[in-house]
Amino acid sequence: MGLCYETGFGTNVNKEKAFELYQKAADLGNANGMNSLGYCYENGVGTDVDIKKALELYRKAANLENYYAQFNLALLGYCYDIGIGTEVNKQKAFELYQKAADLGNSHGINNLGWCFECGYGTIINEQMAFELYQKAADLGNINGMNSLGCCYKNGVGTDVDNHKAFELYQKAAYLGNDFSQYNLALMYEYGSDTEKDINQAIYWYKKSAEQGHGYAHEKLAELLEKLN
């Protein structure tokens, strides 16, 4: 019912009423209510913005295995990571990714791996980064698959293995990951652990470019110009 008042589904939009209903649901121990109430506090829906309360509610809901709350913790970490709606704070991003990862969220796990790989909010630990990417990939996270592929390609936390890199890029590419589509195209263009195949390279650069990958767009234009 709170969602109906928040979005105006079947009734007039009433953010304050939505907030009240989410509060009641949360007070009754409903995980979805807690997550929705956290969203209200995070974004000022029917109440004042209060990030501390939002985090508390996300944590409570996440501990009840609410996927959306776990995702919101990771998403909030990403906001601090690159400065969406707030100043960049790598330490805060790391802490939020850690919380989401501890609750089993694959996005948090992958992004925590990135922090360890690059030293964002923590010390560089390539072995830890590799293990986290592996865990995220095992959970079906396509960004984790791409990150793990990069580890095998570049020897980050493991030995270089172009064959494994190719397999991971290919799997994530077919699942729609634009970074993997770009990386797979590179391997086809230069014949890295596969036969050189310009047509396949063009195909995957195009797929990646269609999703807004800037480098893929440049490489696609470059290859097409050479062919003409």
Protein backbone atom coordinates (compact mmCIF):
# COMPACT_ATOMS: atom_id res chain seq x y z
CA MET A 1 0.00 0.00 0.00
CA GLY A 2 2.89 2.35 0.80
CA LEU A 3 4.23 1.88 -2.73
CA CYS A 4 0.82 2.87 -4.13
CA TYR A 5 0.90 6.17 -2.25
CA GLU A 6 4.56 6.74 -3.18
CA THR A 7 4.04 6.19 -6.92
CA GLY A 8 0.39 7.17 -7.32
CA PHE A 9 -0.70 3.69 -8.36
CA GLY A 10 -4.51 3.61 -8.02
CA THR A 11 -4.53 6.73 -5.86
CA ASN A 12 -3.07 10.23 -5.58
CA VAL A 13 0.62 10.49 -4.76
CA ASN A 14 1.08 11.05 -1.03
CA LYS A 15 4.71 10.72 0.04
CA GLU A 16 3.95 11.35 3.70
CA LYS A 17 1.32 8.60 3.76
CA ALA A 18 3.72 6.24 2.02
CA PHE A 19 6.34 7.00 4.67
CA GLU A 20 3.85 6.28 7.47
CA LEU A 21 2.85 2.94 5.96
CA TYR A 22 6.46 1.89 5.41
CA GLN A 23 7.14 2.84 9.04
CA LYS A 24 4.27 0.64 10.24
CA ALA A 25 5.46 -2.28 8.14
CA ALA A 26 9.01 -1.85 9.41
CA ASP A 27 7.81 -1.70 13.02
CA LEU A 28 6.09 -5.06 12.44
CA GLY A 29 9.38 -6.57 11.34
CA ASN A 30 8.66 -6.59 7.61
CA ALA A 31 11.96 -6.58 5.68
CA ASN A 32 10.49 -4.93 2.58
CA GLY A 33 9.02 -2.21 4.79
CA MET A 34 12.42 -1.63 6.39
CA ASN A 35 14.09 -1.38 3.00
CA SER A 36 11.43 1.02 1.67
CA LEU A 37 11.65 3.13 4.81
CA GLY A 38 15.42 3.23 4.39
CA TYR A 39 14.90 4.46 0.84
CA CYS A 40 12.64 7.23 2.17
CA TYR A 41 15.31 8.37 4.61
CA GLU A 42 18.04 8.15 1.98
CA ASN A 43 16.12 10.20 -0.60
CA GLY A 44 13.86 12.40 1.53
CA VAL A 45 10.58 10.74 0.55
CA GLY A 46 7.92 11.95 2.99
CA THR A 47 10.58 12.84 5.54
CA ASP A 48 13.92 14.61 5.92
CA VAL A 49 17.05 12.97 4.52
CA ASP A 50 18.81 10.95 7.20
CA ILE A 51 21.56 8.72 5.80
CA LYS A 52 22.36 7.27 9.23
CA LYS A 53 18.79 6.01 9.65
CA ALA A 54 18.73 4.77 6.05
CA LEU A 55 21.85 2.68 6.64
CA GLU A 56 20.47 1.29 9.89
CA LEU A 57 17.27 0.20 8.14
CA TYR A 58 19.11 -1.24 5.14
CA ARG A 59 21.29 -3.26 7.52
CA LYS A 60 18.27 -4.57 9.44
CA ALA A 61 16.48 -5.57 6.25
CA ALA A 62 19.65 -7.02 4.76
CA ASN A 63 20.15 -9.16 7.86
CA LEU A 64 16.68 -10.55 7.17
CA GLU A 65 18.05 -11.57 3.75
CA ASN A 66 16.24 -8.83 1.86
CA TYR A 67 18.05 -8.69 -1.49
CA TYR A 68 17.01 -5.12 -2.25
CA ALA A 69 18.42 -3.84 1.03
CA GLN A 70 21.69 -5.65 0.40
CA PHE A 71 21.80 -4.10 -3.07
CA ASN A 72 21.03 -0.63 -1.65
CA LEU A 73 24.00 -0.88 0.70
CA ALA A 74 26.23 -1.67 -2.27
CA LEU A 75 24.62 1.08 -4.35
CA LEU A 76 25.13 3.64 -1.60
CA GLY A 77 28.76 2.56 -1.47
CA TYR A 78 29.03 3.20 -5.21
CA CYS A 79 27.65 6.72 -4.70
CA TYR A 80 30.43 7.47 -2.23
CA ASP A 81 32.93 5.73 -4.52
CA ILE A 82 32.44 8.01 -7.53
CA GLY A 83 30.63 11.00 -5.98
CA ILE A 84 26.98 10.62 -6.98
CA GLY A 85 24.94 13.03 -4.86
CA THR A 86 27.78 13.34 -2.36
CA GLU A 87 31.50 14.02 -2.15
CA VAL A 88 33.82 11.17 -3.09
CA ASN A 89 34.72 9.20 0.02
CA LYS A 90 36.65 6.02 -0.79
CA GLN A 91 36.83 4.98 2.86
CA LYS A 92 33.06 5.21 3.26
CA ALA A 93 32.57 3.36 -0.02
CA PHE A 94 34.87 0.58 1.18
CA GLU A 95 32.96 0.25 4.46
CA LEU A 96 29.59 0.02 2.68
CA TYR A 97 30.87 -2.49 0.14
CA GLN A 98 32.23 -4.53 3.05
CA LYS A 99 28.83 -4.51 4.77
CA ALA A 100 27.04 -5.56 1.59
CA ALA A 101 29.68 -8.23 0.91
CA ASP A 102 29.40 -9.61 4.44
CA LEU A 103 25.69 -10.11 3.76
CA GLY A 104 26.44 -12.05 0.59
CA ASN A 105 25.56 -9.38 -1.99
CA SER A 106 27.47 -10.11 -5.20
CA HIS A 107 27.67 -6.43 -6.23
CA GLY A 108 29.21 -5.54 -2.87
CA ILE A 109 31.63 -8.46 -3.15
CA ASN A 110 32.79 -7.44 -6.64
CA ASN A 111 33.17 -3.77 -5.72
CA LEU A 112 35.05 -4.70 -2.55
CA GLY A 113 37.44 -6.62 -4.78
CA TRP A 114 37.96 -3.45 -6.82
CA CYS A 115 38.83 -1.56 -3.62
CA PHE A 116 41.46 -4.16 -2.72
CA GLU A 117 42.86 -4.20 -6.25
CA CYS A 118 43.24 -0.41 -6.44
CA GLY A 119 43.75 0.47 -2.78
CA TYR A 120 40.54 2.46 -2.43
CA GLY A 121 39.80 2.92 1.27
CA THR A 122 42.18 0.08 2.15
CA ILE A 123 45.63 -1.30 1.32
CA ILE A 124 46.26 -2.95 -2.05
CA ASN A 125 45.82 -6.71 -1.81
CA GLU A 126 45.67 -8.35 -5.23
CA GLN A 127 45.20 -11.84 -3.82
CA MET A 128 42.16 -10.69 -1.85
CA ALA A 129 40.82 -8.90 -4.92
CA PHE A 130 41.15 -12.08 -6.98
CA GLU A 131 39.35 -14.16 -4.34
CA LEU A 132 36.50 -11.66 -4.10
CA TYR A 133 36.09 -11.48 -7.88
CA GLN A 134 36.00 -15.29 -7.95
CA LYS A 135 33.31 -15.30 -5.28
CA ALA A 136 31.23 -12.68 -7.12
CA ALA A 137 31.60 -14.59 -10.39
CA ASP A 138 30.55 -17.83 -8.70
CA LEU A 139 27.39 -16.02 -7.57
CA GLY A 140 26.63 -15.19 -11.20
CA ASN A 141 27.68 -11.53 -11.09
CA ILE A 142 28.69 -10.53 -14.63
CA ASN A 143 30.90 -7.68 -13.41
CA GLY A 144 32.65 -10.22 -11.21
CA MET A 145 33.17 -12.47 -14.25
CA ASN A 146 34.72 -9.58 -16.17
CA SER A 147 36.89 -8.57 -13.21
CA LEU A 148 38.08 -12.16 -12.80
CA GLY A 149 38.81 -12.31 -16.52
CA CYS A 150 40.96 -9.20 -16.18
CA CYS A 151 42.86 -10.83 -13.32
CA TYR A 152 43.70 -13.83 -15.50
CA LYS A 153 44.53 -11.60 -18.45
CA ASN A 154 46.87 -9.33 -16.48
CA GLY A 155 48.13 -11.64 -13.73
CA VAL A 156 46.40 -9.85 -10.85
CA GLY A 157 46.47 -12.12 -7.79
CA THR A 158 47.02 -15.17 -10.01
CA ASP A 159 49.11 -16.41 -12.94
CA VAL A 160 48.36 -15.10 -16.43
CA ASP A 161 45.94 -17.44 -18.19
CA ASN A 162 44.58 -16.06 -21.46
CA HIS A 163 42.39 -19.11 -21.99
CA LYS A 164 40.52 -18.57 -18.72
CA ALA A 165 40.32 -14.85 -19.44
CA PHE A 166 38.76 -15.56 -22.83
CA GLU A 167 36.21 -17.98 -21.34
CA LEU A 168 35.16 -15.49 -18.65
CA TYR A 169 34.92 -12.56 -21.05
CA GLN A 170 32.88 -14.69 -23.44
CA LYS A 171 30.48 -15.85 -20.74
CA ALA A 172 29.91 -12.35 -19.38
CA ALA A 173 29.69 -10.89 -22.89
CA TYR A 174 26.84 -13.22 -23.82
CA LEU A 175 25.14 -12.20 -20.57
CA GLY A 176 25.30 -8.56 -21.68
CA ASN A 177 28.31 -7.08 -19.86
CA ASP A 178 29.63 -4.22 -21.97
CA PHE A 179 33.15 -4.33 -20.50
CA SER A 180 33.45 -8.04 -21.29
CA GLN A 181 32.09 -7.47 -24.78
CA TYR A 182 34.85 -4.91 -25.31
CA ASN A 183 37.52 -7.17 -23.81
CA LEU A 184 36.34 -10.13 -25.90
CA ALA A 185 36.47 -7.98 -29.02
CA LEU A 186 40.07 -7.05 -28.22
CA MET A 187 41.01 -10.72 -27.97
CA TYR A 188 39.38 -11.46 -31.31
CA GLU A 189 41.04 -8.45 -32.93
CA TYR A 190 44.54 -9.39 -31.82
CA GLY A 191 44.14 -13.18 -31.70
CA SER A 192 44.76 -13.56 -27.97
CA ASP A 193 44.17 -17.25 -27.14
CA THR A 194 41.78 -17.50 -30.06
CA GLU A 195 41.99 -17.20 -33.82
CA LYS A 196 42.14 -13.63 -35.04
CA ASP A 197 38.64 -12.82 -36.26
CA ILE A 198 37.93 -9.23 -37.31
CA ASN A 199 34.26 -9.94 -37.95
CA GLN A 200 33.82 -11.21 -34.39
CA ALA A 201 35.79 -8.24 -33.11
CA ILE A 202 33.49 -5.84 -34.96
CA TYR A 203 30.43 -7.72 -33.69
CA TRP A 204 31.45 -7.44 -30.05
CA TYR A 205 32.74 -3.86 -30.30
CA LYS A 206 29.34 -2.97 -31.74
CA LYS A 207 27.51 -4.76 -28.93
CA SER A 208 29.60 -2.94 -26.34
CA ALA A 209 29.31 0.44 -28.09
CA GLU A 210 25.52 0.08 -28.21
CA GLN A 211 25.61 0.03 -24.41
CA GLY A 212 27.61 3.25 -24.30
CA HIS A 213 31.15 1.93 -23.92
CA GLY A 214 33.29 4.80 -25.23
CA TYR A 215 36.44 2.83 -26.09
CA ALA A 216 34.37 0.23 -27.94
CA HIS A 217 32.84 2.99 -30.05
CA GLU A 218 36.32 4.27 -30.94
CA LYS A 219 37.65 0.80 -31.78
CA LEU A 220 34.60 0.02 -33.90
CA ALA A 221 35.05 3.21 -35.91
CA GLU A 222 38.76 2.48 -36.30
CA LEU A 223 38.19 -1.05 -37.62
CA LEU A 224 35.41 -0.05 -39.98
CA GLU A 225 37.59 2.73 -41.39
CA LYS A 226 40.41 0.24 -42.05
CA LEU A 227 38.02 -2.08 -43.88
CA ASN A 228 36.81 0.76 -46.08
